[in-house]
Protein backbone atom coordinates (compact mmCIF):
# COMPACT_ATOMS: atom_id res chain seq x y z
CA MET A 1 93.64 113.89 123.94
CA ILE A 2 93.16 111.40 121.12
CA SER A 3 93.32 107.72 122.05
CA ASP A 4 96.32 105.62 121.00
CA HIS A 5 93.76 103.23 119.53
CA ALA A 6 92.33 105.82 117.10
CA MET A 7 92.96 104.74 113.51
CA VAL A 8 95.04 106.78 111.06
CA ARG A 9 94.56 106.40 107.30
CA LEU A 10 98.02 106.04 105.75
CA ALA A 11 96.92 107.64 102.47
CA ASP A 12 96.50 110.92 104.39
CA TYR A 13 100.15 110.95 105.49
CA PRO A 14 102.61 110.18 102.64
CA ILE A 15 105.75 109.90 104.77
CA LEU A 16 104.02 107.57 107.22
CA ALA A 17 102.73 105.51 104.29
CA GLU A 18 106.23 105.30 102.82
CA LEU A 19 107.74 104.17 106.11
CA ALA A 20 104.91 101.75 106.91
CA ARG A 21 105.04 100.10 103.48
CA ARG A 22 108.30 98.43 104.56
CA ARG A 23 106.51 96.63 107.39
CA THR A 24 102.85 96.16 106.50
CA LYS A 25 100.25 96.10 103.76
CA ALA A 26 97.71 97.75 106.07
CA VAL A 27 95.94 100.89 104.87
CA ARG A 28 95.24 102.12 108.43
CA LEU A 29 97.24 101.90 111.65
CA ASP A 30 96.38 102.85 115.21
CA ARG A 31 98.25 105.81 116.61
CA ARG A 32 100.45 103.56 118.75
CA ALA A 33 101.67 101.76 115.61
CA CYS A 34 102.13 105.10 113.83
CA ARG A 35 104.35 106.30 116.67
CA TYR A 36 106.50 103.18 116.32
CA VAL A 37 106.79 103.54 112.53
CA TYR A 38 107.82 107.18 112.82
CA GLU A 39 110.24 106.53 115.68
CA THR A 40 112.02 103.78 113.75
CA GLY A 41 112.16 105.44 110.34
CA LEU A 42 111.80 109.20 110.56
CA SER A 43 115.55 109.81 110.87
CA GLU A 44 115.86 108.60 107.24
CA ILE A 45 113.47 111.28 105.95
CA ASP A 46 114.39 114.82 104.90
CA PRO A 47 112.35 117.09 107.21
CA ALA A 48 111.63 119.40 104.25
CA ARG A 49 109.46 116.63 102.75
CA ILE A 50 107.08 116.57 105.72
CA GLY A 51 103.88 118.52 105.08
CA ALA A 52 101.96 120.55 107.63
CA ALA A 53 99.31 117.93 108.39
CA GLU A 54 101.94 115.25 108.88
CA ARG A 55 104.02 117.54 111.11
CA GLN A 56 100.91 118.03 113.23
CA LEU A 57 100.37 114.27 113.55
CA ILE A 58 104.03 113.77 114.47
CA ALA A 59 103.75 116.46 117.15
CA GLU A 60 100.50 114.96 118.49
CA LEU A 61 102.27 111.62 118.79
CA GLY A 62 105.03 113.30 120.84
CA ILE A 63 107.80 112.65 118.36
CA SER A 64 110.56 115.11 117.52
CA HIS A 65 111.10 115.24 113.77
CA GLU A 66 114.20 117.39 114.14
CA HIS A 67 117.33 115.37 113.58
CA ASP A 68 120.86 115.75 112.29
CA GLY A 69 121.18 115.05 108.56
């Protein structure tokens, strides 16, 4: 299991970067912060826009990206 303190480069995850841009100018976040950003903003994102790598990160963080549109 990957530590919550492991850093994630926002440039590698466009949806995360888009959501995080509203809250920070950081270019990297720890996984705990990523979880928060996704949990508070993912419902605004069309699931079809989420690429495979980002879906994997979302799953690793334990977040459901399925939501009603």
